[in-house]
Amino acid sequence: MKSILLLLGAAFLLVQCSGNDIQTNSVEFAEKIESNFIAGHLDRYLFKPEDLTERFVDVWIPESYEQDTEYSVIYMHDGQMLFDESSTWNSQEWRVDEILTRMMESDEIPPTIVVGIWNAEDQRTAEYFPEDALSFIEGELRDDLLSNIPEEPRANQYVDFIAKSVIPFVEENYPVIKNRDGRFVAGSSYGGLISLYTLTKYPEMFSGAAALSTHWPGTHESNDEIPGGIRKYLRRNLPDPGSHRIYYDHGTETLDSLYAPYQRKVDAMMLELGFTQGQDFKSEVFEGTNHSENAWADRFDVPVRYLLRH
């Protein structure tokens, strides 16, 4: 069990976002908190987008952090699940701090920080399902999918929030690489879908995307309509082969047991489009693993090594 007291800084920033404008107002806030971090430091900011639910954005920096070093950045969804198992709903975490610390110490990856964007709980489906793929889905399943989205789809607003508010804020306040070579996006399940969608919407801003346990069926039951619609969208909107690195994977247990036939069709589509397995895209199967943060933590080094390899 890891346990350490961390200071989250002398000021808690409320960040008001409107379009491309970022306004910060410092609020006196200094508090030692019980945490499960084993390495590094976490800066937590509250973003209040104009057209989305407010949420925390965590910036994790390693213990070896130096102001004169330029860092790569992995932007990750479901940010509240990445670092601290004591505060997650299922007492699991991705162990991002330990894994990246180990990989940097062994020189497997360049200096890297992680930006964890918290999901908005009941708005998660609305923000994470690829909005423009809905036009390729018909029938009752489309209606069922929309019935699980409160109010209206918001994935386009969500990816705009990342591109126009979160990234500029991070690049203004941290010594990071300020071009697509240093930016990556990653997530699991619905977070895998929105990672791919983010890449299609802003290919000029990211070098690669990782989609772990990608939730192709969109529901908890097998179907052809939703994954077929997503593939049609991706076929028309993925960046050109050779320009980015795209990672997929899935396990074989619990919810992941649904994914194999859909992933095989996606892999075939990638090859048809001209991507090369192991070079500009990678697809892995992890036998006996389930749909959980523990499972993703156990293999998180695989997509990180692939995306950020020297």
C-alpha atoms as a PDB file:
ATOM      1  CA  MET A   1       0.000   0.000   0.000  1.00  0.00           C
ATOM      2  CA  LYS A   2       1.419   3.348  -0.985  1.00  0.00           C
ATOM      3  CA  SER A   3       0.672   6.371   1.144  1.00  0.00           C
ATOM      4  CA  ILE A   4       2.086   9.886   1.092  1.00  0.00           C
ATOM      5  CA  LEU A   5       0.969  13.401   1.999  1.00  0.00           C
ATOM      6  CA  LEU A   6       1.033  15.836  -0.916  1.00  0.00           C
ATOM      7  CA  LEU A   7       0.595  19.584  -1.011  1.00  0.00           C
ATOM      8  CA  LEU A   8      -1.599  20.673  -3.895  1.00  0.00           C
ATOM      9  CA  GLY A   9      -0.097  24.130  -4.060  1.00  0.00           C
ATOM     10  CA  ALA A  10      -0.874  27.482  -2.521  1.00  0.00           C
ATOM     11  CA  ALA A  11      -3.662  28.441  -4.890  1.00  0.00           C
ATOM     12  CA  PHE A  12      -6.633  26.560  -6.257  1.00  0.00           C
ATOM     13  CA  LEU A  13      -7.419  27.865  -9.724  1.00  0.00           C
ATOM     14  CA  LEU A  14     -10.917  28.190 -11.054  1.00  0.00           C
ATOM     15  CA  VAL A  15     -10.575  28.356 -14.815  1.00  0.00           C
ATOM     16  CA  GLN A  16     -13.401  29.978 -16.739  1.00  0.00           C
ATOM     17  CA  CYS A  17     -13.380  28.908 -20.392  1.00  0.00           C
ATOM     18  CA  SER A  18     -15.227  30.641 -23.184  1.00  0.00           C
ATOM     19  CA  GLY A  19     -14.198  29.811 -26.719  1.00  0.00           C
ATOM     20  CA  ASN A  20     -10.466  30.371 -27.006  1.00  0.00           C
ATOM     21  CA  ASP A  21     -10.341  32.706 -24.024  1.00  0.00           C
ATOM     22  CA  ILE A  22      -9.016  31.517 -20.687  1.00  0.00           C
ATOM     23  CA  GLN A  23      -9.494  33.577 -17.560  1.00  0.00           C
ATOM     24  CA  THR A  24      -7.978  32.440 -14.257  1.00  0.00           C
ATOM     25  CA  ASN A  25      -8.919  33.639 -10.814  1.00  0.00           C
ATOM     26  CA  SER A  26      -6.751  32.522  -7.893  1.00  0.00           C
ATOM     27  CA  VAL A  27      -8.517  31.442  -4.730  1.00  0.00           C
ATOM     28  CA  GLU A  28      -6.658  30.915  -1.471  1.00  0.00           C
ATOM     29  CA  PHE A  29      -6.479  27.160  -1.144  1.00  0.00           C
ATOM     30  CA  ALA A  30      -3.714  25.205   0.527  1.00  0.00           C
ATOM     31  CA  GLU A  31      -4.438  21.793   1.924  1.00  0.00           C
ATOM     32  CA  LYS A  32      -2.536  18.635   2.678  1.00  0.00           C
ATOM     33  CA  ILE A  33      -4.516  15.644   1.547  1.00  0.00           C
ATOM     34  CA  GLU A  34      -4.225  11.919   2.135  1.00  0.00           C
ATOM     35  CA  SER A  35      -3.253  10.410  -1.186  1.00  0.00           C
ATOM     36  CA  ASN A  36      -2.123   7.149  -2.701  1.00  0.00           C
ATOM     37  CA  PHE A  37       0.482   8.691  -4.992  1.00  0.00           C
ATOM     38  CA  ILE A  38       3.807   6.938  -4.890  1.00  0.00           C
ATOM     39  CA  ALA A  39       5.731   9.300  -7.153  1.00  0.00           C
ATOM     40  CA  GLY A  40       5.459  12.802  -8.480  1.00  0.00           C
ATOM     41  CA  HIS A  41       3.025  15.607  -7.819  1.00  0.00           C
ATOM     42  CA  LEU A  42      -0.521  16.448  -8.839  1.00  0.00           C
ATOM     43  CA  ASP A  43      -1.846  19.909  -9.668  1.00  0.00           C
ATOM     44  CA  ARG A  44      -5.640  20.034  -9.709  1.00  0.00           C
ATOM     45  CA  TYR A  45      -7.638  22.730 -11.479  1.00  0.00           C
ATOM     46  CA  LEU A  46     -11.365  23.335 -11.695  1.00  0.00           C
ATOM     47  CA  PHE A  47     -12.449  24.181 -15.237  1.00  0.00           C
ATOM     48  CA  LYS A  48     -15.841  25.750 -15.799  1.00  0.00           C
ATOM     49  CA  PRO A  49     -16.577  25.519 -19.529  1.00  0.00           C
ATOM     50  CA  GLU A  50     -19.323  27.731 -20.850  1.00  0.00           C
ATOM     51  CA  ASP A  51     -21.204  24.895 -22.569  1.00  0.00           C
ATOM     52  CA  LEU A  52     -20.189  21.809 -20.543  1.00  0.00           C
ATOM     53  CA  THR A  53     -20.436  20.657 -16.945  1.00  0.00           C
ATOM     54  CA  GLU A  54     -17.582  21.943 -14.792  1.00  0.00           C
ATOM     55  CA  ARG A  55     -14.920  19.383 -13.924  1.00  0.00           C
ATOM     56  CA  PHE A  56     -11.473  18.933 -12.452  1.00  0.00           C
ATOM     57  CA  VAL A  57      -8.408  18.631 -14.653  1.00  0.00           C
ATOM     58  CA  ASP A  58      -5.376  17.009 -13.023  1.00  0.00           C
ATOM     59  CA  VAL A  59      -1.818  17.616 -14.196  1.00  0.00           C
ATOM     60  CA  TRP A  60       0.599  14.948 -12.988  1.00  0.00           C
ATOM     61  CA  ILE A  61       4.301  15.750 -13.050  1.00  0.00           C
ATOM     62  CA  PRO A  62       7.085  13.291 -12.154  1.00  0.00           C
ATOM     63  CA  GLU A  63       9.489  13.653  -9.250  1.00  0.00           C
ATOM     64  CA  SER A  64      12.242  14.276 -11.792  1.00  0.00           C
ATOM     65  CA  TYR A  65      10.373  17.336 -13.123  1.00  0.00           C
ATOM     66  CA  GLU A  66      12.621  20.194 -14.229  1.00  0.00           C
ATOM     67  CA  GLN A  67      11.438  23.535 -15.522  1.00  0.00           C
ATOM     68  CA  ASP A  68      14.007  23.611 -18.339  1.00  0.00           C
ATOM     69  CA  THR A  69      12.941  20.215 -19.742  1.00  0.00           C
ATOM     70  CA  GLU A  70      10.319  19.945 -22.489  1.00  0.00           C
ATOM     71  CA  TYR A  71       7.768  17.248 -21.690  1.00  0.00           C
ATOM     72  CA  SER A  72       5.508  15.136 -23.841  1.00  0.00           C
ATOM     73  CA  VAL A  73       1.896  15.114 -22.657  1.00  0.00           C
ATOM     74  CA  ILE A  74      -0.664  12.316 -22.568  1.00  0.00           C
ATOM     75  CA  TYR A  75      -4.180  13.739 -22.335  1.00  0.00           C
ATOM     76  CA  MET A  76      -6.372  11.106 -20.682  1.00  0.00           C
ATOM     77  CA  HIS A  77     -10.117  10.814 -20.153  1.00  0.00           C
ATOM     78  CA  ASP A  78     -11.841   9.625 -16.945  1.00  0.00           C
ATOM     79  CA  GLY A  79      -9.180  11.549 -15.060  1.00  0.00           C
ATOM     80  CA  GLN A  80     -10.543  10.695 -11.604  1.00  0.00           C
ATOM     81  CA  MET A  81      -9.645   7.019 -12.196  1.00  0.00           C
ATOM     82  CA  LEU A  82      -5.943   7.433 -12.979  1.00  0.00           C
ATOM     83  CA  PHE A  83      -3.992   8.051  -9.781  1.00  0.00           C
ATOM     84  CA  ASP A  84      -5.775   7.490  -6.481  1.00  0.00           C
ATOM     85  CA  GLU A  85      -7.621   4.256  -5.726  1.00  0.00           C
ATOM     86  CA  SER A  86      -8.768   5.601  -2.355  1.00  0.00           C
ATOM     87  CA  SER A  87     -11.099   8.079  -4.079  1.00  0.00           C
ATOM     88  CA  THR A  88     -12.436   6.020  -7.009  1.00  0.00           C
ATOM     89  CA  TRP A  89     -15.882   4.414  -7.067  1.00  0.00           C
ATOM     90  CA  ASN A  90     -14.448   0.884  -7.399  1.00  0.00           C
ATOM     91  CA  SER A  91     -11.228   1.289  -5.377  1.00  0.00           C
ATOM     92  CA  GLN A  92      -9.138   0.786  -8.538  1.00  0.00           C
ATOM     93  CA  GLU A  93      -6.781   3.069 -10.466  1.00  0.00           C
ATOM     94  CA  TRP A  94      -4.596   3.041 -13.586  1.00  0.00           C
ATOM     95  CA  ARG A  95      -1.382   3.479 -11.496  1.00  0.00           C
ATOM     96  CA  VAL A  96      -0.238   6.050 -14.051  1.00  0.00           C
ATOM     97  CA  ASP A  97       2.220   7.666 -11.637  1.00  0.00           C
ATOM     98  CA  GLU A  98       4.115   4.453 -10.873  1.00  0.00           C
ATOM     99  CA  ILE A  99       4.108   3.142 -14.433  1.00  0.00           C
ATOM    100  CA  LEU A 100       5.370   6.328 -16.082  1.00  0.00           C
ATOM    101  CA  THR A 101       7.936   6.912 -13.341  1.00  0.00           C
ATOM    102  CA  ARG A 102       9.370   3.447 -13.917  1.00  0.00           C
ATOM    103  CA  MET A 103       9.365   3.875 -17.704  1.00  0.00           C
ATOM    104  CA  MET A 104      11.096   7.244 -17.546  1.00  0.00           C
ATOM    105  CA  GLU A 105      13.698   5.971 -15.083  1.00  0.00           C
ATOM    106  CA  SER A 106      14.517   3.117 -17.459  1.00  0.00           C
ATOM    107  CA  ASP A 107      14.603   5.525 -20.433  1.00  0.00           C
ATOM    108  CA  GLU A 108      11.820   3.652 -22.245  1.00  0.00           C
ATOM    109  CA  ILE A 109       9.973   6.897 -22.913  1.00  0.00           C
ATOM    110  CA  PRO A 110      10.939  10.583 -22.991  1.00  0.00           C
ATOM    111  CA  PRO A 111      10.077  12.935 -20.102  1.00  0.00           C
ATOM    112  CA  THR A 112       6.277  12.926 -19.889  1.00  0.00           C
ATOM    113  CA  ILE A 113       3.447  14.434 -17.898  1.00  0.00           C
ATOM    114  CA  VAL A 114      -0.190  13.335 -17.848  1.00  0.00           C
ATOM    115  CA  VAL A 115      -3.286  15.523 -17.965  1.00  0.00           C
ATOM    116  CA  GLY A 116      -6.292  13.701 -16.536  1.00  0.00           C
ATOM    117  CA  ILE A 117      -9.602  15.251 -17.582  1.00  0.00           C
ATOM    118  CA  TRP A 118     -12.345  14.150 -15.213  1.00  0.00           C
ATOM    119  CA  ASN A 119     -15.548  12.844 -16.717  1.00  0.00           C
ATOM    120  CA  ALA A 120     -18.813  14.598 -15.916  1.00  0.00           C
ATOM    121  CA  GLU A 121     -20.489  11.472 -14.513  1.00  0.00           C
ATOM    122  CA  ASP A 122     -24.056  11.442 -15.895  1.00  0.00           C
ATOM    123  CA  GLN A 123     -22.815  13.351 -18.963  1.00  0.00           C
ATOM    124  CA  ARG A 124     -20.139  10.769 -19.778  1.00  0.00           C
ATOM    125  CA  THR A 125     -22.050   9.067 -22.595  1.00  0.00           C
ATOM    126  CA  ALA A 126     -23.127  12.406 -24.050  1.00  0.00           C
ATOM    127  CA  GLU A 127     -19.515  13.635 -24.099  1.00  0.00           C
ATOM    128  CA  TYR A 128     -17.713  10.407 -25.025  1.00  0.00           C
ATOM    129  CA  PHE A 129     -19.812   8.825 -27.786  1.00  0.00           C
ATOM    130  CA  PRO A 130     -18.527   9.983 -31.222  1.00  0.00           C
ATOM    131  CA  GLU A 131     -21.227  12.496 -32.059  1.00  0.00           C
ATOM    132  CA  ASP A 132     -20.819  12.605 -35.831  1.00  0.00           C
ATOM    133  CA  ALA A 133     -20.985   8.788 -36.024  1.00  0.00           C
ATOM    134  CA  LEU A 134     -24.659   9.021 -35.054  1.00  0.00           C
ATOM    135  CA  SER A 135     -25.504   9.992 -38.638  1.00  0.00           C
ATOM    136  CA  PHE A 136     -24.274   6.540 -39.756  1.00  0.00           C
ATOM    137  CA  ILE A 137     -26.491   4.650 -37.279  1.00  0.00           C
ATOM    138  CA  GLU A 138     -30.153   3.916 -37.952  1.00  0.00           C
ATOM    139  CA  GLY A 139     -33.031   2.068 -36.329  1.00  0.00           C
ATOM    140  CA  GLU A 140     -34.063   1.298 -32.789  1.00  0.00           C
ATOM    141  CA  LEU A 141     -30.529   0.992 -31.465  1.00  0.00           C
ATOM    142  CA  ARG A 142     -29.836   4.589 -32.427  1.00  0.00           C
ATOM    143  CA  ASP A 143     -32.936   5.611 -30.479  1.00  0.00           C
ATOM    144  CA  ASP A 144     -31.854   3.462 -27.531  1.00  0.00           C
ATOM    145  CA  LEU A 145     -28.412   5.029 -27.592  1.00  0.00           C
ATOM    146  CA  LEU A 146     -29.820   8.543 -27.700  1.00  0.00           C
ATOM    147  CA  SER A 147     -32.195   7.709 -24.827  1.00  0.00           C
ATOM    148  CA  ASN A 148     -29.121   7.141 -22.641  1.00  0.00           C
ATOM    149  CA  ILE A 149     -27.739  10.558 -23.515  1.00  0.00           C
ATOM    150  CA  PRO A 150     -29.173  13.256 -21.244  1.00  0.00           C
ATOM    151  CA  GLU A 151     -30.251  16.346 -23.148  1.00  0.00           C
ATOM    152  CA  GLU A 152     -28.116  16.088 -26.314  1.00  0.00           C
ATOM    153  CA  PRO A 153     -24.806  14.694 -27.664  1.00  0.00           C
ATOM    154  CA  ARG A 154     -21.844  16.823 -26.590  1.00  0.00           C
ATOM    155  CA  ALA A 155     -18.764  15.045 -27.917  1.00  0.00           C
ATOM    156  CA  ASN A 156     -17.984  17.871 -30.341  1.00  0.00           C
ATOM    157  CA  GLN A 157     -18.124  20.388 -27.514  1.00  0.00           C
ATOM    158  CA  TYR A 158     -15.994  18.113 -25.340  1.00  0.00           C
ATOM    159  CA  VAL A 159     -13.177  17.674 -27.872  1.00  0.00           C
ATOM    160  CA  ASP A 160     -13.291  21.422 -28.575  1.00  0.00           C
ATOM    161  CA  PHE A 161     -12.892  21.980 -24.825  1.00  0.00           C
ATOM    162  CA  ILE A 162      -9.741  19.846 -24.828  1.00  0.00           C
ATOM    163  CA  ALA A 163      -8.276  21.493 -27.913  1.00  0.00           C
ATOM    164  CA  LYS A 164      -9.216  25.094 -27.208  1.00  0.00           C
ATOM    165  CA  SER A 165      -9.103  25.327 -23.411  1.00  0.00           C
ATOM    166  CA  VAL A 166      -7.208  22.498 -21.730  1.00  0.00           C
ATOM    167  CA  ILE A 167      -4.251  22.258 -24.110  1.00  0.00           C
ATOM    168  CA  PRO A 168      -3.622  26.033 -24.267  1.00  0.00           C
ATOM    169  CA  PHE A 169      -3.796  26.215 -20.475  1.00  0.00           C
ATOM    170  CA  VAL A 170      -1.320  23.370 -20.025  1.00  0.00           C
ATOM    171  CA  GLU A 171       1.052  24.777 -22.621  1.00  0.00           C
ATOM    172  CA  GLU A 172       0.942  28.222 -21.044  1.00  0.00           C
ATOM    173  CA  ASN A 173       1.731  26.917 -17.564  1.00  0.00           C
ATOM    174  CA  TYR A 174       4.033  23.909 -18.036  1.00  0.00           C
ATOM    175  CA  PRO A 175       7.253  23.334 -20.028  1.00  0.00           C
ATOM    176  CA  VAL A 176       5.811  20.979 -22.625  1.00  0.00           C
ATOM    177  CA  ILE A 177       6.372  20.335 -26.323  1.00  0.00           C
ATOM    178  CA  LYS A 178       4.038  22.759 -28.075  1.00  0.00           C
ATOM    179  CA  ASN A 179       3.294  20.824 -31.232  1.00  0.00           C
ATOM    180  CA  ARG A 180       1.597  17.584 -32.147  1.00  0.00           C
ATOM    181  CA  ASP A 181       4.817  15.555 -31.770  1.00  0.00           C
ATOM    182  CA  GLY A 182       4.512  15.943 -28.017  1.00  0.00           C
ATOM    183  CA  ARG A 183       0.750  15.406 -27.633  1.00  0.00           C
ATOM    184  CA  PHE A 184      -1.093  12.112 -27.244  1.00  0.00           C
ATOM    185  CA  VAL A 185      -4.619  11.153 -26.195  1.00  0.00           C
ATOM    186  CA  ALA A 186      -5.722   7.974 -24.427  1.00  0.00           C
ATOM    187  CA  GLY A 187      -8.658   6.321 -22.714  1.00  0.00           C
ATOM    188  CA  SER A 188     -10.550   3.081 -22.197  1.00  0.00           C
ATOM    189  CA  SER A 189     -14.036   1.795 -23.033  1.00  0.00           C
ATOM    190  CA  TYR A 190     -16.076   4.879 -23.980  1.00  0.00           C
ATOM    191  CA  GLY A 191     -12.836   6.742 -23.277  1.00  0.00           C
ATOM    192  CA  GLY A 192     -11.299   4.736 -26.105  1.00  0.00           C
ATOM    193  CA  LEU A 193     -14.036   5.871 -28.470  1.00  0.00           C
ATOM    194  CA  ILE A 194     -13.596   9.541 -27.568  1.00  0.00           C
ATOM    195  CA  SER A 195      -9.806   9.231 -27.891  1.00  0.00           C
ATOM    196  CA  LEU A 196     -10.204   8.086 -31.494  1.00  0.00           C
ATOM    197  CA  TYR A 197     -12.824  10.753 -32.109  1.00  0.00           C
ATOM    198  CA  THR A 198     -10.529  13.448 -30.702  1.00  0.00           C
ATOM    199  CA  LEU A 199      -7.822  12.352 -33.136  1.00  0.00           C
ATOM    200  CA  THR A 200     -10.215  12.552 -36.099  1.00  0.00           C
ATOM    201  CA  LYS A 201     -11.363  16.035 -35.093  1.00  0.00           C
ATOM    202  CA  TYR A 202      -7.903  17.432 -34.330  1.00  0.00           C
ATOM    203  CA  PRO A 203      -5.338  15.335 -36.247  1.00  0.00           C
ATOM    204  CA  GLU A 204      -3.065  18.362 -36.491  1.00  0.00           C
ATOM    205  CA  MET A 205      -2.866  18.592 -32.692  1.00  0.00           C
ATOM    206  CA  PHE A 206      -2.027  15.003 -31.716  1.00  0.00           C
ATOM    207  CA  SER A 207       0.646  12.520 -32.707  1.00  0.00           C
ATOM    208  CA  GLY A 208      -1.245   9.427 -31.629  1.00  0.00           C
ATOM    209  CA  ALA A 209      -4.174   7.899 -29.774  1.00  0.00           C
ATOM    210  CA  ALA A 210      -4.634   4.846 -27.566  1.00  0.00           C
ATOM    211  CA  ALA A 211      -8.028   3.153 -27.268  1.00  0.00           C
ATOM    212  CA  LEU A 212      -7.986   0.400 -24.641  1.00  0.00           C
ATOM    213  CA  SER A 213     -10.982  -1.961 -24.424  1.00  0.00           C
ATOM    214  CA  THR A 214     -12.755   0.173 -27.002  1.00  0.00           C
ATOM    215  CA  HIS A 215     -16.499  -0.021 -26.409  1.00  0.00           C
ATOM    216  CA  TRP A 216     -17.510  -0.611 -30.028  1.00  0.00           C
ATOM    217  CA  PRO A 217     -21.055  -1.937 -29.338  1.00  0.00           C
ATOM    218  CA  GLY A 218     -22.074   1.280 -27.583  1.00  0.00           C
ATOM    219  CA  THR A 219     -24.415  -0.709 -25.325  1.00  0.00           C
ATOM    220  CA  HIS A 220     -23.980  -3.736 -23.054  1.00  0.00           C
ATOM    221  CA  GLU A 221     -25.270  -6.106 -25.735  1.00  0.00           C
ATOM    222  CA  SER A 222     -23.815  -7.280 -29.037  1.00  0.00           C
ATOM    223  CA  ASN A 223     -25.180  -5.512 -32.115  1.00  0.00           C
ATOM    224  CA  ASP A 224     -24.071  -4.602 -35.632  1.00  0.00           C
ATOM    225  CA  GLU A 225     -25.630  -1.175 -36.129  1.00  0.00           C
ATOM    226  CA  ILE A 226     -23.638   0.910 -33.637  1.00  0.00           C
ATOM    227  CA  PRO A 227     -20.136  -0.506 -34.302  1.00  0.00           C
ATOM    228  CA  GLY A 228     -20.914  -0.481 -38.032  1.00  0.00           C
ATOM    229  CA  GLY A 229     -21.786   3.199 -37.852  1.00  0.00           C
ATOM    230  CA  ILE A 230     -18.621   3.991 -35.908  1.00  0.00           C
ATOM    231  CA  ARG A 231     -16.509   2.157 -38.499  1.00  0.00           C
ATOM    232  CA  LYS A 232     -18.168   4.075 -41.328  1.00  0.00           C
ATOM    233  CA  TYR A 233     -17.330   7.322 -39.570  1.00  0.00           C
ATOM    234  CA  LEU A 234     -13.718   6.262 -38.919  1.00  0.00           C
ATOM    235  CA  ARG A 235     -13.239   5.055 -42.493  1.00  0.00           C
ATOM    236  CA  ARG A 236     -14.072   8.566 -43.717  1.00  0.00           C
ATOM    237  CA  ASN A 237     -12.285  10.536 -41.017  1.00  0.00           C
ATOM    238  CA  LEU A 238      -9.169   8.773 -39.749  1.00  0.00           C
ATOM    239  CA  PRO A 239      -5.947  10.642 -40.571  1.00  0.00           C
ATOM    240  CA  ASP A 240      -3.832   9.398 -43.453  1.00  0.00           C
ATOM    241  CA  PRO A 241      -1.742   6.260 -42.940  1.00  0.00           C
ATOM    242  CA  GLY A 242       1.791   6.976 -41.805  1.00  0.00           C
ATOM    243  CA  SER A 243       0.918  10.287 -40.158  1.00  0.00           C
ATOM    244  CA  HIS A 244      -0.036   9.103 -36.641  1.00  0.00           C
ATOM    245  CA  ARG A 245       0.187   6.114 -34.308  1.00  0.00           C
ATOM    246  CA  ILE A 246      -3.106   4.471 -33.336  1.00  0.00           C
ATOM    247  CA  TYR A 247      -3.329   1.780 -30.667  1.00  0.00           C
ATOM    248  CA  TYR A 248      -6.220  -0.608 -29.960  1.00  0.00           C
ATOM    249  CA  ASP A 249      -6.580  -3.482 -27.527  1.00  0.00           C
ATOM    250  CA  HIS A 250      -9.086  -5.585 -25.635  1.00  0.00           C
ATOM    251  CA  GLY A 251      -9.275  -8.380 -23.096  1.00  0.00           C
ATOM    252  CA  THR A 252     -11.442 -11.482 -23.221  1.00  0.00           C
ATOM    253  CA  GLU A 253     -13.428 -11.441 -19.966  1.00  0.00           C
ATOM    254  CA  THR A 254     -16.521  -9.563 -18.667  1.00  0.00           C
ATOM    255  CA  LEU A 255     -17.506  -6.681 -20.973  1.00  0.00           C
ATOM    256  CA  ASP A 256     -14.328  -7.122 -23.012  1.00  0.00           C
ATOM    257  CA  SER A 257     -15.624 -10.524 -24.122  1.00  0.00           C
ATOM    258  CA  LEU A 258     -17.909  -8.663 -26.567  1.00  0.00           C
ATOM    259  CA  TYR A 259     -15.171  -6.819 -28.393  1.00  0.00           C
ATOM    260  CA  ALA A 260     -13.197  -9.343 -30.477  1.00  0.00           C
ATOM    261  CA  PRO A 261     -15.451  -9.534 -33.587  1.00  0.00           C
ATOM    262  CA  TYR A 262     -15.735  -5.751 -33.778  1.00  0.00           C
ATOM    263  CA  GLN A 263     -12.012  -5.200 -33.306  1.00  0.00           C
ATOM    264  CA  ARG A 264     -11.218  -7.713 -36.065  1.00  0.00           C
ATOM    265  CA  LYS A 265     -13.379  -5.674 -38.441  1.00  0.00           C
ATOM    266  CA  VAL A 266     -11.653  -2.467 -37.355  1.00  0.00           C
ATOM    267  CA  ASP A 267      -8.232  -4.076 -37.879  1.00  0.00           C
ATOM    268  CA  ALA A 268      -9.285  -5.201 -41.370  1.00  0.00           C
ATOM    269  CA  MET A 269     -10.501  -1.674 -42.103  1.00  0.00           C
ATOM    270  CA  MET A 270      -7.154  -0.231 -40.988  1.00  0.00           C
ATOM    271  CA  LEU A 271      -5.287  -2.540 -43.343  1.00  0.00           C
ATOM    272  CA  GLU A 272      -7.659  -1.675 -46.201  1.00  0.00           C
ATOM    273  CA  LEU A 273      -6.995   2.011 -45.585  1.00  0.00           C
ATOM    274  CA  GLY A 274      -3.253   1.461 -45.896  1.00  0.00           C
ATOM    275  CA  PHE A 275      -2.170   1.325 -42.241  1.00  0.00           C
ATOM    276  CA  THR A 276       0.540  -1.181 -41.303  1.00  0.00           C
ATOM    277  CA  GLN A 277       0.183  -3.346 -38.213  1.00  0.00           C
ATOM    278  CA  GLY A 278       2.989  -2.658 -35.759  1.00  0.00           C
ATOM    279  CA  GLN A 279       4.001   0.577 -37.437  1.00  0.00           C
ATOM    280  CA  ASP A 280       1.275   3.229 -37.664  1.00  0.00           C
ATOM    281  CA  PHE A 281      -1.329   1.103 -35.905  1.00  0.00           C
ATOM    282  CA  LYS A 282      -1.179  -1.666 -33.341  1.00  0.00           C
ATOM    283  CA  SER A 283      -3.919  -4.007 -32.153  1.00  0.00           C
ATOM    284  CA  GLU A 284      -3.392  -6.278 -29.144  1.00  0.00           C
ATOM    285  CA  VAL A 285      -5.439  -8.979 -27.388  1.00  0.00           C
ATOM    286  CA  PHE A 286      -4.870  -9.704 -23.691  1.00  0.00           C
ATOM    287  CA  GLU A 287      -6.244 -13.138 -22.948  1.00  0.00           C
ATOM    288  CA  GLY A 288      -7.937 -13.651 -19.596  1.00  0.00           C
ATOM    289  CA  THR A 289      -8.169  -9.941 -18.756  1.00  0.00           C
ATOM    290  CA  ASN A 290     -11.368  -8.108 -17.923  1.00  0.00           C
ATOM    291  CA  HIS A 291     -12.877  -4.649 -18.250  1.00  0.00           C
ATOM    292  CA  SER A 292     -11.395  -2.778 -15.289  1.00  0.00           C
ATOM    293  CA  GLU A 293      -8.876  -0.179 -14.201  1.00  0.00           C
ATOM    294  CA  ASN A 294      -6.717  -2.948 -12.737  1.00  0.00           C
ATOM    295  CA  ALA A 295      -6.573  -4.649 -16.136  1.00  0.00           C
ATOM    296  CA  TRP A 296      -5.734  -1.416 -17.938  1.00  0.00           C
ATOM    297  CA  ALA A 297      -3.065  -0.586 -15.359  1.00  0.00           C
ATOM    298  CA  ASP A 298      -1.457  -3.989 -15.860  1.00  0.00           C
ATOM    299  CA  ARG A 299      -0.903  -3.246 -19.568  1.00  0.00           C
ATOM    300  CA  PHE A 300      -0.743   0.551 -19.685  1.00  0.00           C
ATOM    301  CA  ASP A 301       2.982   0.390 -20.422  1.00  0.00           C
ATOM    302  CA  VAL A 302       2.221  -1.305 -23.769  1.00  0.00           C
ATOM    303  CA  PRO A 303       0.358   1.604 -25.433  1.00  0.00           C
ATOM    304  CA  VAL A 304       2.620   4.159 -23.752  1.00  0.00           C
ATOM    305  CA  ARG A 305       5.726   2.454 -25.108  1.00  0.00           C
ATOM    306  CA  TYR A 306       4.188   2.229 -28.575  1.00  0.00           C
ATOM    307  CA  LEU A 307       2.991   5.841 -28.748  1.00  0.00           C
ATOM    308  CA  LEU A 308       5.991   7.520 -27.119  1.00  0.00           C
ATOM    309  CA  ARG A 309       8.850   5.323 -28.292  1.00  0.00           C
ATOM    310  CA  HIS A 310      12.006   7.278 -29.071  1.00  0.00           C
END
